[in-house]
Amino acid sequence: MKAIVIEKFGNPDVLVIKDVDKPEPKAGFALIRVKAFGINHAEMHMRKGEWAEWMPISGVECVGIVEACPGGEFELGTAVVALMGGLGRTINGSYAEYTNASVGNVVSLGSNEPPLPWDQLAAIPESYATAWSSLFRNLEIQKGQTLLIRGATSALGKAAVNLAVNHGVRVVGTTRNADRHQDLLTLGVEKVEQEGPDLSKRLNLRLEDKFDAVLDLIGNSVLLDSLTLVRRGGRLCLAGWLGGLAPISDFNPLLQMSGGVHFSLFRSPDFGQPAFPVSDVPIRDIVQLATDGKLNAKPTKTFSFDQIREAHRMVEEGRANGKIVVMGY
């Protein structure tokens, strides 16, 4: 089969299309003919050797057709989505014609025909599963509450905006790019703020105006600032590292956290673990919302298989403005 292989660490030019052995069907896995896959920031770090776990064939999600399933969990020909479960981290991932995905990380779409075009469907799995879990599990967001999403024009950020607005949440979004303010307003956010490390000082919120919840997708570089934006009893979820992977050099909760603020972390690699089953996420319901036009989940750009380097460059240079999808070979 054809696969996109990381032959050495480096810039997008290290991604090489070559012939490799097709995965063998095995118990506990579904062999999937990959129709399309989304591009994720984690894969940028894997390609550069900055991620603890990586495989020569990257890709943590895909959509496609079940070609073999020795355990009988899925009928052959079924349209499915697959995400995480070691894909691209401990087992070869979705940047290929075929991939073996753990059955616990595969979701049937109920028929042999996808409800959306493959490229639109591929924009959903990882981004929307992570966004849904962050919003409704970590943050326990409720209709009418106020939510700040830092990094709202990323693929994950836009997924969170869509889900929160659809749920009746009042959303404020941030972006570094002033040209993207209108994009967020069109999605239904009430207000857009310029992202930056001094956001809390610029907002200068009164105690009663602080947010019920903050979804921080920028990461460690603004975490301490995000903590000051949450009301007592409110929640902060850290679920992205758009600002880089550097750790916080000096974090003293006693001095830098307000009393009564709940802080949690969401790690998408946990999907499929006993504590975080993929079945907990209503992926088919989310797909139906997109099919019905209630979520604007379309990719911002779709590339062909042989354009993988261009796709990586667009994401790495911050030009994606949403989800980038690559069609299967």
Protein backbone atom coordinates (compact mmCIF):
# COMPACT_ATOMS: atom_id res chain seq x y z
CA MET A 1 0.00 0.00 0.00
CA LYS A 2 0.97 3.64 -0.23
CA ALA A 3 1.82 5.43 3.02
CA ILE A 4 3.24 8.75 4.13
CA VAL A 5 6.32 7.97 6.19
CA ILE A 6 8.46 10.02 8.58
CA GLU A 7 11.97 8.93 7.55
CA LYS A 8 13.72 11.40 9.85
CA PHE A 9 12.70 14.30 12.07
CA GLY A 10 12.41 17.75 10.59
CA ASN A 11 10.31 20.10 8.47
CA PRO A 12 7.44 18.90 6.24
CA ASP A 13 9.90 17.79 3.56
CA VAL A 14 10.76 14.72 5.69
CA LEU A 15 7.31 13.28 4.86
CA VAL A 16 7.81 10.74 2.06
CA ILE A 17 5.20 8.72 0.14
CA LYS A 18 6.37 5.16 -0.33
CA ASP A 19 5.21 1.55 -0.68
CA VAL A 20 4.97 -0.37 2.59
CA ASP A 21 3.34 -3.61 3.70
CA LYS A 22 -0.42 -3.47 4.16
CA PRO A 23 -1.43 -4.13 7.80
CA GLU A 24 -2.62 -7.66 8.54
CA PRO A 25 -6.11 -8.02 10.06
CA LYS A 26 -5.95 -9.02 13.72
CA ALA A 27 -8.31 -9.62 16.62
CA GLY A 28 -9.31 -6.51 18.54
CA PHE A 29 -8.75 -4.25 15.55
CA ALA A 30 -10.64 -3.11 12.47
CA LEU A 31 -8.70 -2.83 9.23
CA ILE A 32 -9.92 0.40 7.62
CA ARG A 33 -9.56 1.61 4.06
CA VAL A 34 -8.77 5.26 4.74
CA LYS A 35 -10.94 7.68 2.77
CA ALA A 36 -9.72 10.88 4.45
CA PHE A 37 -7.96 12.09 7.59
CA GLY A 38 -7.64 15.32 9.52
CA ILE A 39 -4.34 17.05 10.31
CA ASN A 40 -3.57 17.75 13.98
CA HIS A 41 -0.99 19.85 15.79
CA ALA A 42 0.24 16.76 17.63
CA GLU A 43 1.39 15.37 14.29
CA MET A 44 3.54 18.46 13.73
CA HIS A 45 5.36 17.70 16.99
CA MET A 46 5.70 14.00 16.11
CA ARG A 47 7.23 14.87 12.76
CA LYS A 48 9.77 17.12 14.47
CA GLY A 49 10.64 14.61 17.20
CA GLU A 50 9.08 16.71 19.96
CA TRP A 51 6.48 14.12 21.06
CA ALA A 52 7.17 11.28 23.47
CA GLU A 53 5.33 8.71 21.31
CA TRP A 54 5.39 8.58 17.52
CA MET A 55 5.34 6.07 14.67
CA PRO A 56 6.84 6.24 11.17
CA ILE A 57 3.29 6.39 9.76
CA SER A 58 1.61 9.27 11.58
CA GLY A 59 -2.06 10.19 11.84
CA VAL A 60 -4.29 9.98 14.92
CA GLU A 61 -7.69 9.92 13.19
CA CYS A 62 -9.44 8.96 9.98
CA VAL A 63 -12.73 8.10 8.31
CA GLY A 64 -13.17 5.18 5.97
CA ILE A 65 -14.57 1.74 5.24
CA VAL A 66 -14.08 -1.45 7.26
CA GLU A 67 -12.21 -3.95 5.09
CA ALA A 68 -11.63 -6.63 7.75
CA CYS A 69 -12.66 -7.17 11.36
CA PRO A 70 -11.63 -10.57 12.72
CA GLY A 71 -13.63 -10.14 15.93
CA GLY A 72 -16.86 -9.35 14.10
CA GLU A 73 -17.43 -6.05 15.90
CA PHE A 74 -18.10 -4.26 12.59
CA GLU A 75 -19.60 -5.51 9.34
CA LEU A 76 -17.39 -5.33 6.29
CA GLY A 77 -18.07 -2.25 4.18
CA THR A 78 -19.34 -0.20 7.12
CA ALA A 79 -18.51 3.52 7.09
CA VAL A 80 -16.64 4.40 10.29
CA VAL A 81 -14.64 7.05 12.05
CA ALA A 82 -11.54 6.13 14.07
CA LEU A 83 -9.50 8.18 16.49
CA MET A 84 -6.67 7.74 18.93
CA GLY A 85 -6.20 4.34 20.58
CA GLY A 86 -2.49 4.57 19.81
CA LEU A 87 -2.92 5.55 16.15
CA GLY A 88 0.22 7.36 15.05
CA ARG A 89 1.67 7.01 18.55
CA THR A 90 2.18 3.32 19.37
CA ILE A 91 0.78 1.77 16.17
CA ASN A 92 1.07 3.03 12.61
CA GLY A 93 -1.58 5.64 11.95
CA SER A 94 -3.89 6.97 9.28
CA TYR A 95 -1.46 8.58 6.81
CA ALA A 96 -1.85 5.52 4.60
CA GLU A 97 -4.20 3.59 2.33
CA TYR A 98 -5.08 1.27 5.22
CA THR A 99 -4.79 1.38 8.99
CA ASN A 100 -5.56 -1.01 11.84
CA ALA A 101 -7.55 0.77 14.55
CA SER A 102 -8.50 -0.63 17.94
CA VAL A 103 -12.21 -1.55 17.85
CA GLY A 104 -12.78 0.48 21.01
CA ASN A 105 -11.69 3.57 19.13
CA VAL A 106 -13.84 2.99 16.04
CA VAL A 107 -17.41 4.29 15.68
CA SER A 108 -19.82 2.90 13.10
CA LEU A 109 -21.85 5.44 11.14
CA GLY A 110 -24.62 2.91 10.70
CA SER A 111 -24.43 2.15 6.99
CA ASN A 112 -22.12 1.59 4.05
CA GLU A 113 -22.62 5.14 2.81
CA PRO A 114 -21.28 8.10 4.78
CA PRO A 115 -23.86 10.75 5.78
CA LEU A 116 -21.49 13.50 4.60
CA PRO A 117 -18.81 13.74 1.90
CA TRP A 118 -15.65 12.08 3.16
CA ASP A 119 -13.69 15.33 3.48
CA GLN A 120 -16.42 16.94 5.58
CA LEU A 121 -16.72 13.84 7.74
CA ALA A 122 -12.96 13.80 8.30
CA ALA A 123 -13.12 17.25 9.88
CA ILE A 124 -15.12 15.89 12.81
CA PRO A 125 -13.57 12.97 14.78
CA GLU A 126 -10.61 14.27 16.79
CA SER A 127 -11.58 17.93 17.01
CA TYR A 128 -15.19 17.39 17.96
CA ALA A 129 -14.58 14.46 20.30
CA THR A 130 -11.98 16.51 22.19
CA ALA A 131 -14.16 19.63 22.20
CA TRP A 132 -17.24 17.73 23.41
CA SER A 133 -15.33 16.01 26.21
CA SER A 134 -13.67 19.25 27.31
CA LEU A 135 -16.95 21.19 27.33
CA PHE A 136 -19.40 18.68 28.74
CA ARG A 137 -17.17 16.52 30.94
CA ASN A 138 -14.29 18.67 32.19
CA LEU A 139 -16.07 22.04 32.19
CA GLU A 140 -19.61 20.69 32.73
CA ILE A 141 -20.84 23.70 30.77
CA GLN A 142 -24.53 24.61 31.02
CA LYS A 143 -26.92 26.55 28.81
CA GLY A 144 -26.77 30.28 29.58
CA GLN A 145 -23.30 30.15 31.15
CA THR A 146 -20.40 32.27 29.93
CA LEU A 147 -17.43 30.57 28.29
CA LEU A 148 -14.08 31.94 27.15
CA ILE A 149 -12.30 29.93 24.44
CA ARG A 150 -8.66 30.88 24.05
CA GLY A 151 -7.43 29.89 20.58
CA ALA A 152 -10.91 29.85 19.09
CA THR A 153 -9.93 29.89 15.41
CA SER A 154 -7.98 26.64 15.66
CA ALA A 155 -9.71 23.45 14.48
CA LEU A 156 -10.40 22.44 18.08
CA GLY A 157 -11.43 25.99 18.98
CA LYS A 158 -13.97 26.23 16.18
CA ALA A 159 -15.37 22.82 17.10
CA ALA A 160 -15.80 24.02 20.68
CA VAL A 161 -17.45 27.25 19.51
CA ASN A 162 -19.90 25.30 17.35
CA LEU A 163 -20.85 22.86 20.11
CA ALA A 164 -21.12 25.52 22.82
CA VAL A 165 -23.21 27.94 20.74
CA ASN A 166 -25.49 25.09 19.68
CA HIS A 167 -25.94 24.27 23.39
CA GLY A 168 -27.01 27.83 24.24
CA VAL A 169 -23.76 28.92 25.88
CA ARG A 170 -22.62 32.55 25.70
CA VAL A 171 -19.17 32.41 24.12
CA VAL A 172 -16.26 34.84 23.94
CA GLY A 173 -13.44 33.72 21.65
CA THR A 174 -9.85 34.82 21.23
CA THR A 175 -7.56 34.81 18.21
CA ARG A 176 -4.13 36.24 17.45
CA ASN A 177 -5.23 37.28 13.97
CA ALA A 178 -7.44 40.38 13.78
CA ASP A 179 -8.58 39.34 10.30
CA ARG A 180 -10.35 36.33 11.81
CA HIS A 181 -12.64 38.18 14.20
CA GLN A 182 -15.54 38.09 11.76
CA ASP A 183 -15.15 34.32 11.33
CA LEU A 184 -15.87 33.82 15.02
CA LEU A 185 -18.76 36.28 15.07
CA THR A 186 -20.29 34.39 12.16
CA LEU A 187 -20.07 31.18 14.19
CA GLY A 188 -22.08 32.83 16.96
CA VAL A 189 -19.62 34.10 19.57
CA GLU A 190 -20.83 37.20 21.38
CA LYS A 191 -17.46 38.92 21.41
CA VAL A 192 -13.92 38.43 20.08
CA GLU A 193 -10.78 39.42 21.97
CA GLN A 194 -7.21 39.66 20.71
CA GLU A 195 -5.21 36.75 22.12
CA GLY A 196 -2.11 37.58 24.13
CA PRO A 197 -0.37 36.80 27.42
CA ASP A 198 -1.82 39.89 29.10
CA LEU A 199 -5.47 39.14 28.28
CA SER A 200 -6.65 39.30 31.88
CA LYS A 201 -5.14 42.77 32.35
CA ARG A 202 -6.76 44.06 29.17
CA LEU A 203 -10.16 42.65 30.09
CA ASN A 204 -9.84 43.90 33.68
CA LEU A 205 -12.96 41.98 34.71
CA ARG A 206 -14.89 42.75 37.83
CA LEU A 207 -15.38 39.80 40.18
CA GLU A 208 -18.99 39.36 39.08
CA ASP A 209 -18.05 39.44 35.37
CA LYS A 210 -15.55 36.60 35.39
CA PHE A 211 -16.31 33.57 33.25
CA ASP A 212 -18.16 30.46 34.33
CA ALA A 213 -15.69 28.45 32.29
CA VAL A 214 -12.48 28.89 30.32
CA LEU A 215 -11.26 26.46 27.65
CA ASP A 216 -7.54 27.15 27.22
CA LEU A 217 -6.14 25.87 23.92
CA ILE A 218 -3.03 28.09 23.99
CA GLY A 219 -1.42 26.10 26.77
CA ASN A 220 1.20 26.61 29.44
CA SER A 221 2.28 30.02 28.17
CA VAL A 222 -1.03 31.61 29.23
CA LEU A 223 -2.32 29.13 31.84
CA LEU A 224 -1.61 31.33 34.84
CA ASP A 225 -3.35 34.22 33.11
CA SER A 226 -6.36 32.02 32.31
CA LEU A 227 -6.71 31.01 35.95
CA THR A 228 -7.43 34.63 36.91
CA LEU A 229 -10.36 34.84 34.47
CA VAL A 230 -12.54 32.19 36.15
CA ARG A 231 -15.14 33.00 38.80
CA ARG A 232 -15.25 31.25 42.16
CA GLY A 233 -16.82 27.86 41.54
CA GLY A 234 -16.00 28.12 37.84
CA ARG A 235 -13.88 25.75 35.77
CA LEU A 236 -10.78 25.92 33.63
CA CYS A 237 -9.86 23.13 31.20
CA LEU A 238 -6.45 23.00 29.52
CA ALA A 239 -6.81 21.04 26.27
CA GLY A 240 -4.33 22.46 23.75
CA TRP A 241 -0.80 23.77 23.30
CA LEU A 242 -0.99 26.21 20.40
CA GLY A 243 1.53 28.38 22.23
CA GLY A 244 4.16 25.63 22.38
CA LEU A 245 5.12 22.78 24.66
CA ALA A 246 7.46 24.61 27.04
CA PRO A 247 6.55 23.86 30.68
CA ILE A 248 5.55 26.42 33.27
CA SER A 249 8.76 27.25 35.05
CA ASP A 250 7.25 28.41 38.34
CA PHE A 251 3.70 27.45 39.33
CA ASN A 252 2.68 27.89 42.95
CA PRO A 253 -1.08 27.22 43.33
CA LEU A 254 -1.14 28.83 46.76
CA LEU A 255 -0.01 32.14 45.27
CA GLN A 256 -1.32 31.94 41.71
CA MET A 257 -4.77 30.36 41.94
CA SER A 258 -7.97 31.87 43.30
CA GLY A 259 -9.81 29.86 45.89
CA GLY A 260 -12.67 27.74 44.57
CA VAL A 261 -11.52 27.58 40.93
CA HIS A 262 -11.58 24.08 39.41
CA PHE A 263 -8.68 23.28 37.09
CA SER A 264 -8.47 20.15 34.93
CA LEU A 265 -6.55 18.78 31.97
CA PHE A 266 -7.97 16.96 28.95
CA ARG A 267 -5.60 14.69 27.02
CA SER A 268 -6.96 13.29 23.78
CA PRO A 269 -4.50 10.33 23.94
CA ASP A 270 -6.65 9.09 26.83
CA PHE A 271 -9.49 8.31 24.40
CA GLY A 272 -10.13 4.58 24.51
CA GLN A 273 -8.79 4.10 28.02
CA PRO A 274 -11.26 2.59 30.53
CA ALA A 275 -11.78 5.96 32.21
CA PHE A 276 -12.31 7.73 28.86
CA PRO A 277 -14.16 5.40 26.46
CA VAL A 278 -14.81 6.73 22.98
CA SER A 279 -18.39 5.50 23.44
CA ASP A 280 -18.86 8.31 25.98
CA VAL A 281 -18.73 10.84 23.12
CA PRO A 282 -21.93 11.09 21.00
CA ILE A 283 -20.02 11.11 17.71
CA ARG A 284 -22.97 9.94 15.64
CA ASP A 285 -25.13 12.70 17.13
CA ILE A 286 -22.44 15.26 16.31
CA VAL A 287 -22.25 13.95 12.74
CA GLN A 288 -26.04 14.25 12.51
CA LEU A 289 -25.92 17.87 13.71
CA ALA A 290 -23.36 18.60 10.98
CA THR A 291 -25.49 16.74 8.41
CA ASP A 292 -28.52 18.83 9.43
CA GLY A 293 -26.52 22.05 9.04
CA LYS A 294 -26.61 22.88 12.76
CA LEU A 295 -22.82 22.73 13.02
CA ASN A 296 -20.51 24.39 10.53
CA ALA A 297 -18.00 21.55 10.63
CA LYS A 298 -16.61 21.75 7.10
CA PRO A 299 -12.81 21.75 6.64
CA THR A 300 -11.21 25.05 5.76
CA LYS A 301 -9.14 23.34 3.07
CA THR A 302 -8.83 19.85 1.62
CA PHE A 303 -5.58 18.49 0.18
CA SER A 304 -4.83 15.42 -1.91
CA PHE A 305 -2.67 12.60 -0.51
CA ASP A 306 0.40 13.77 -2.40
CA GLN A 307 0.00 17.29 -0.97
CA ILE A 308 0.72 16.21 2.61
CA ARG A 309 3.74 18.51 2.88
CA GLU A 310 1.65 21.54 1.89
CA ALA A 311 -1.01 20.52 4.42
CA HIS A 312 1.58 20.33 7.22
CA ARG A 313 3.05 23.68 6.26
CA MET A 314 -0.35 25.37 6.37
CA VAL A 315 -1.03 24.07 9.88
CA GLU A 316 2.47 24.72 11.18
CA GLU A 317 2.54 28.29 9.87
CA GLY A 318 -0.80 29.14 11.50
CA ARG A 319 -2.63 29.59 8.20
CA ALA A 320 -5.23 26.86 8.68
CA ASN A 321 -7.97 28.91 10.40
CA GLY A 322 -9.76 25.65 11.19
CA LYS A 323 -9.52 21.99 10.21
CA ILE A 324 -7.28 20.80 7.39
CA VAL A 325 -8.20 17.48 5.76
CA VAL A 326 -6.25 15.18 3.44
CA MET A 327 -8.01 12.74 1.14
CA GLY A 328 -6.96 9.09 1.13
CA TYR A 329 -4.74 7.67 -1.58
